């Protein structure tokens, strides 16, 4: 098929609709930090990843994890999708401590 006859799928209108929907608050996607993110956000993301690791290793549902951490499901969803802006390091460490009662924490200067 020649380049002029090839159809783009989805078309530009559909792509615009998809982009608009994905950028709305209706869709919950995971936040991705870049390497230049502030240290506080990188620490929070690391703590969230440990919570997700616990969920995967224990094969616990998001709902059951929320119950265990004494939060509602939307709150649990925000945590596992790295929506960090509403959480302090203290708060996230408190959740992590519930999952890992013998938690040890180490700070390494690199």
N, C-alpha and C. Protein backbone atom coordinates (compact mmCIF):
# COMPACT_ATOMS: atom_id res chain seq x y z
N UNK A 1 0.85 -1.18 0.00
CA UNK A 1 0.00 0.00 0.00
C UNK A 1 0.89 1.24 0.00
N UNK A 2 0.59 2.16 -0.83
CA UNK A 2 1.41 3.37 -0.91
C UNK A 2 1.18 4.25 0.31
N UNK A 3 2.13 5.14 0.54
CA UNK A 3 2.08 6.04 1.69
C UNK A 3 0.84 6.93 1.66
N UNK A 4 0.42 7.34 0.50
CA UNK A 4 -0.74 8.23 0.39
C UNK A 4 -2.05 7.51 0.67
N UNK A 5 -2.10 6.21 0.45
CA UNK A 5 -3.33 5.46 0.67
C UNK A 5 -3.41 4.87 2.08
N UNK A 6 -2.31 4.89 2.82
CA UNK A 6 -2.29 4.30 4.16
C UNK A 6 -3.15 5.14 5.10
N UNK A 7 -3.97 4.47 5.89
CA UNK A 7 -4.80 5.16 6.86
C UNK A 7 -4.12 5.10 8.22
N UNK A 8 -4.16 6.21 8.90
CA UNK A 8 -3.66 6.23 10.27
C UNK A 8 -4.76 5.75 11.19
N UNK A 9 -4.37 4.89 12.08
CA UNK A 9 -5.34 4.43 13.06
C UNK A 9 -4.75 4.56 14.43
N UNK A 10 -5.39 5.09 15.40
CA UNK A 10 -6.63 5.85 15.24
C UNK A 10 -6.37 7.19 14.58
N UNK A 11 -7.42 7.78 14.07
CA UNK A 11 -7.25 9.08 13.39
C UNK A 11 -6.96 10.17 14.42
N UNK A 12 -6.61 11.33 13.94
CA UNK A 12 -6.21 12.44 14.82
C UNK A 12 -7.32 12.82 15.80
N UNK A 13 -8.56 12.78 15.35
CA UNK A 13 -9.68 13.14 16.23
C UNK A 13 -9.77 12.15 17.40
N UNK A 14 -9.66 10.86 17.07
CA UNK A 14 -9.72 9.83 18.11
C UNK A 14 -8.53 9.95 19.06
N UNK A 15 -7.34 10.21 18.52
CA UNK A 15 -6.17 10.40 19.36
C UNK A 15 -6.35 11.57 20.32
N UNK A 16 -6.94 12.64 19.84
CA UNK A 16 -7.20 13.81 20.69
C UNK A 16 -8.16 13.45 21.82
N UNK A 17 -9.19 12.68 21.51
CA UNK A 17 -10.14 12.24 22.53
C UNK A 17 -9.45 11.37 23.58
N UNK A 18 -8.60 10.46 23.13
CA UNK A 18 -7.87 9.57 24.05
C UNK A 18 -6.95 10.38 24.95
N UNK A 19 -6.21 11.32 24.36
CA UNK A 19 -5.31 12.16 25.16
C UNK A 19 -6.08 12.96 26.20
N UNK A 20 -7.21 13.52 25.81
CA UNK A 20 -8.02 14.31 26.74
C UNK A 20 -8.53 13.44 27.88
N UNK A 21 -8.99 12.26 27.56
CA UNK A 21 -9.51 11.35 28.59
C UNK A 21 -8.41 10.92 29.55
N UNK A 22 -7.23 10.59 29.01
CA UNK A 22 -6.12 10.15 29.85
C UNK A 22 -5.59 11.27 30.74
N UNK A 23 -5.75 12.50 30.33
CA UNK A 23 -5.26 13.62 31.13
C UNK A 23 -6.30 14.10 32.14
N UNK A 24 -7.49 13.52 32.11
CA UNK A 24 -8.53 13.91 33.05
C UNK A 24 -8.33 13.19 34.38
N UNK A 25 -9.10 13.57 35.38
CA UNK A 25 -9.04 12.92 36.69
C UNK A 25 -9.83 11.62 36.73
N UNK A 26 -10.50 11.26 35.61
CA UNK A 26 -11.28 10.03 35.56
C UNK A 26 -10.39 8.79 35.50
N UNK A 27 -9.20 8.95 34.94
CA UNK A 27 -8.30 7.83 34.74
C UNK A 27 -7.17 7.91 35.75
N UNK A 28 -6.94 6.81 36.47
CA UNK A 28 -5.88 6.78 37.46
C UNK A 28 -4.70 6.01 36.87
N UNK A 29 -3.66 6.72 36.55
CA UNK A 29 -2.44 6.09 36.08
C UNK A 29 -1.35 6.30 37.09
N UNK A 30 -0.30 5.54 37.00
CA UNK A 30 0.81 5.70 37.92
C UNK A 30 1.64 6.91 37.54
N UNK A 31 2.06 7.65 38.54
CA UNK A 31 2.93 8.78 38.33
C UNK A 31 4.35 8.27 38.13
N UNK A 32 5.03 8.83 37.19
CA UNK A 32 6.42 8.43 36.92
C UNK A 32 7.31 9.62 37.26
N UNK A 33 8.32 9.37 38.09
CA UNK A 33 9.26 10.43 38.45
C UNK A 33 10.46 10.37 37.52
N UNK A 34 10.94 11.53 37.15
CA UNK A 34 12.18 11.51 36.39
C UNK A 34 13.36 11.62 37.35
N UNK A 35 14.54 11.45 36.84
CA UNK A 35 15.74 11.40 37.67
C UNK A 35 15.99 12.70 38.42
N UNK A 36 15.44 13.80 37.94
CA UNK A 36 15.67 15.08 38.60
C UNK A 36 14.59 15.42 39.64
N UNK A 37 13.73 14.47 39.95
CA UNK A 37 12.67 14.71 40.94
C UNK A 37 13.30 15.04 42.29
N UNK A 38 12.63 15.86 43.10
CA UNK A 38 13.17 16.19 44.42
C UNK A 38 13.38 14.93 45.27
N UNK A 39 14.37 14.99 46.13
CA UNK A 39 14.72 13.85 46.99
C UNK A 39 13.51 13.36 47.78
N UNK A 40 12.71 14.28 48.32
CA UNK A 40 11.54 13.88 49.11
C UNK A 40 10.60 13.02 48.27
N UNK A 41 10.35 13.41 47.02
CA UNK A 41 9.47 12.62 46.16
C UNK A 41 10.08 11.26 45.83
N UNK A 42 11.39 11.21 45.65
CA UNK A 42 12.03 9.92 45.36
C UNK A 42 11.95 8.99 46.57
N UNK A 43 12.06 9.54 47.78
CA UNK A 43 11.92 8.73 48.99
C UNK A 43 10.49 8.20 49.10
N UNK A 44 9.51 9.08 48.87
CA UNK A 44 8.11 8.66 48.92
C UNK A 44 7.84 7.57 47.89
N UNK A 45 8.36 7.72 46.69
CA UNK A 45 8.16 6.72 45.64
C UNK A 45 8.78 5.39 46.03
N UNK A 46 9.93 5.44 46.67
CA UNK A 46 10.59 4.21 47.12
C UNK A 46 9.74 3.51 48.17
N UNK A 47 9.16 4.27 49.09
CA UNK A 47 8.29 3.67 50.11
C UNK A 47 7.06 3.06 49.45
N UNK A 48 6.45 3.78 48.50
CA UNK A 48 5.29 3.23 47.78
C UNK A 48 5.66 1.94 47.06
N UNK A 49 6.84 1.89 46.49
CA UNK A 49 7.24 0.67 45.78
C UNK A 49 7.37 -0.51 46.74
N UNK A 50 7.76 -0.24 47.98
CA UNK A 50 7.84 -1.32 48.98
C UNK A 50 6.44 -1.79 49.37
N UNK A 51 5.48 -0.88 49.41
CA UNK A 51 4.09 -1.27 49.68
C UNK A 51 3.57 -2.14 48.54
N UNK A 52 3.86 -1.74 47.31
CA UNK A 52 3.44 -2.53 46.15
C UNK A 52 4.14 -3.89 46.16
N UNK A 53 5.41 -3.91 46.51
CA UNK A 53 6.16 -5.17 46.59
C UNK A 53 5.49 -6.11 47.59
N UNK A 54 5.07 -5.58 48.74
CA UNK A 54 4.36 -6.38 49.73
C UNK A 54 3.08 -6.96 49.14
N UNK A 55 2.33 -6.12 48.43
CA UNK A 55 1.08 -6.57 47.83
C UNK A 55 1.33 -7.71 46.84
N UNK A 56 2.35 -7.56 46.01
CA UNK A 56 2.65 -8.59 45.02
C UNK A 56 3.14 -9.88 45.66
N UNK A 57 4.00 -9.75 46.65
CA UNK A 57 4.58 -10.94 47.29
C UNK A 57 3.54 -11.72 48.08
N UNK A 58 2.61 -11.01 48.71
CA UNK A 58 1.59 -11.69 49.52
C UNK A 58 0.34 -12.01 48.72
N UNK A 59 0.26 -11.49 47.50
CA UNK A 59 -0.89 -11.67 46.62
C UNK A 59 -2.19 -11.21 47.28
N UNK A 60 -2.08 -10.13 48.04
CA UNK A 60 -3.24 -9.55 48.72
C UNK A 60 -3.93 -8.59 47.74
N UNK A 61 -5.24 -8.52 47.80
CA UNK A 61 -5.96 -7.61 46.91
C UNK A 61 -5.78 -6.17 47.39
N UNK A 62 -6.04 -5.25 46.50
CA UNK A 62 -5.96 -3.83 46.86
C UNK A 62 -6.95 -3.53 47.99
N UNK A 63 -8.13 -4.13 47.93
CA UNK A 63 -9.14 -3.92 48.96
C UNK A 63 -8.65 -4.43 50.31
N UNK A 64 -8.09 -5.62 50.34
CA UNK A 64 -7.59 -6.19 51.59
C UNK A 64 -6.38 -5.41 52.12
N UNK A 65 -5.55 -4.92 51.22
CA UNK A 65 -4.42 -4.10 51.62
C UNK A 65 -4.91 -2.80 52.26
N UNK A 66 -5.95 -2.22 51.68
CA UNK A 66 -6.53 -0.99 52.24
C UNK A 66 -7.04 -1.24 53.66
N UNK A 67 -7.72 -2.37 53.86
CA UNK A 67 -8.22 -2.71 55.19
C UNK A 67 -7.05 -2.86 56.17
N UNK A 68 -6.02 -3.54 55.75
CA UNK A 68 -4.85 -3.77 56.60
C UNK A 68 -4.18 -2.45 57.01
N UNK A 69 -4.17 -1.48 56.09
CA UNK A 69 -3.53 -0.19 56.38
C UNK A 69 -4.50 0.84 56.95
N UNK A 70 -5.77 0.44 57.13
CA UNK A 70 -6.80 1.32 57.70
C UNK A 70 -7.04 2.55 56.84
N UNK A 71 -7.10 2.33 55.53
CA UNK A 71 -7.43 3.41 54.58
C UNK A 71 -8.55 2.91 53.68
N UNK A 72 -9.22 3.83 52.99
CA UNK A 72 -10.24 3.39 52.05
C UNK A 72 -9.60 3.02 50.71
N UNK A 73 -10.37 2.38 49.84
CA UNK A 73 -9.82 1.92 48.56
C UNK A 73 -9.29 3.04 47.66
N UNK A 74 -10.00 4.18 47.56
CA UNK A 74 -9.43 5.25 46.73
C UNK A 74 -8.07 5.72 47.25
N UNK A 75 -7.94 5.76 48.57
CA UNK A 75 -6.65 6.15 49.17
C UNK A 75 -5.58 5.13 48.82
N UNK A 76 -5.93 3.86 48.90
CA UNK A 76 -4.98 2.80 48.57
C UNK A 76 -4.58 2.90 47.10
N UNK A 77 -5.52 3.20 46.25
CA UNK A 77 -5.23 3.35 44.83
C UNK A 77 -4.24 4.48 44.60
N UNK A 78 -4.43 5.60 45.31
CA UNK A 78 -3.50 6.72 45.15
C UNK A 78 -2.09 6.33 45.58
N UNK A 79 -1.99 5.55 46.64
CA UNK A 79 -0.67 5.12 47.12
C UNK A 79 0.01 4.22 46.09
N UNK A 80 -0.71 3.24 45.58
CA UNK A 80 -0.05 2.30 44.66
C UNK A 80 0.14 2.87 43.26
N UNK A 81 -0.44 4.05 43.00
CA UNK A 81 -0.19 4.72 41.73
C UNK A 81 0.73 5.92 41.90
N UNK A 82 1.43 5.96 43.04
CA UNK A 82 2.46 6.97 43.28
C UNK A 82 1.93 8.40 43.21
N UNK A 83 0.73 8.62 43.70
CA UNK A 83 0.19 9.98 43.80
C UNK A 83 0.73 10.57 45.11
N UNK A 84 1.94 11.08 45.07
CA UNK A 84 2.73 11.39 46.25
C UNK A 84 2.42 12.71 46.93
N UNK A 85 1.82 13.63 46.20
CA UNK A 85 1.68 15.00 46.69
C UNK A 85 0.89 15.12 47.98
N UNK A 86 0.02 14.19 48.26
CA UNK A 86 -0.81 14.32 49.47
C UNK A 86 -0.27 13.55 50.67
N UNK A 87 0.91 12.98 50.53
CA UNK A 87 1.47 12.16 51.61
C UNK A 87 2.80 12.70 52.11
N UNK A 88 2.98 12.61 53.42
CA UNK A 88 4.28 12.93 54.00
C UNK A 88 5.08 11.62 54.08
N UNK A 89 6.36 11.76 54.23
CA UNK A 89 7.20 10.57 54.41
C UNK A 89 6.78 9.84 55.68
N UNK A 90 6.47 10.58 56.74
CA UNK A 90 6.04 9.97 58.01
C UNK A 90 4.81 9.09 57.81
N UNK A 91 3.85 9.63 57.09
CA UNK A 91 2.60 8.89 56.88
C UNK A 91 2.85 7.60 56.10
N UNK A 92 3.63 7.69 55.02
CA UNK A 92 3.93 6.50 54.21
C UNK A 92 4.75 5.49 55.01
N UNK A 93 5.70 5.98 55.81
CA UNK A 93 6.48 5.06 56.66
C UNK A 93 5.58 4.36 57.67
N UNK A 94 4.57 5.07 58.17
CA UNK A 94 3.61 4.44 59.09
C UNK A 94 2.89 3.27 58.43
N UNK A 95 2.49 3.45 57.17
CA UNK A 95 1.85 2.35 56.44
C UNK A 95 2.82 1.20 56.25
N UNK A 96 4.05 1.54 55.89
CA UNK A 96 5.05 0.50 55.65
C UNK A 96 5.35 -0.27 56.94
N UNK A 97 5.34 0.43 58.06
CA UNK A 97 5.61 -0.21 59.34
C UNK A 97 4.51 -1.21 59.73
N UNK A 98 3.28 -0.94 59.31
CA UNK A 98 2.19 -1.89 59.54
C UNK A 98 2.47 -3.19 58.79
N UNK A 99 2.97 -3.06 57.56
CA UNK A 99 3.24 -4.24 56.74
C UNK A 99 4.50 -4.98 57.17
N UNK A 100 5.47 -4.22 57.62
CA UNK A 100 6.76 -4.79 58.03
C UNK A 100 7.06 -4.30 59.45
N UNK A 101 6.50 -4.98 60.48
CA UNK A 101 6.67 -4.52 61.87
C UNK A 101 8.12 -4.39 62.32
N UNK A 102 9.01 -5.18 61.76
CA UNK A 102 10.43 -5.11 62.13
C UNK A 102 11.22 -4.29 61.12
N UNK A 103 10.59 -3.28 60.58
CA UNK A 103 11.17 -2.43 59.55
C UNK A 103 12.48 -1.81 60.02
N UNK A 104 13.48 -1.89 59.17
CA UNK A 104 14.75 -1.19 59.41
C UNK A 104 14.94 -0.23 58.26
N UNK A 105 15.38 0.95 58.61
CA UNK A 105 15.50 2.00 57.61
C UNK A 105 16.92 2.52 57.65
N UNK A 106 17.51 2.71 56.46
CA UNK A 106 18.88 3.16 56.37
C UNK A 106 18.99 4.25 55.32
N UNK A 107 19.73 5.27 55.66
CA UNK A 107 19.98 6.35 54.72
C UNK A 107 21.44 6.24 54.28
N UNK A 108 21.65 6.22 52.98
CA UNK A 108 23.00 6.08 52.44
C UNK A 108 23.31 7.34 51.62
N UNK A 109 24.38 8.01 51.96
CA UNK A 109 24.82 9.16 51.18
C UNK A 109 25.70 8.67 50.05
N UNK A 110 25.34 9.03 48.85
CA UNK A 110 26.12 8.55 47.69
C UNK A 110 26.85 9.69 47.03
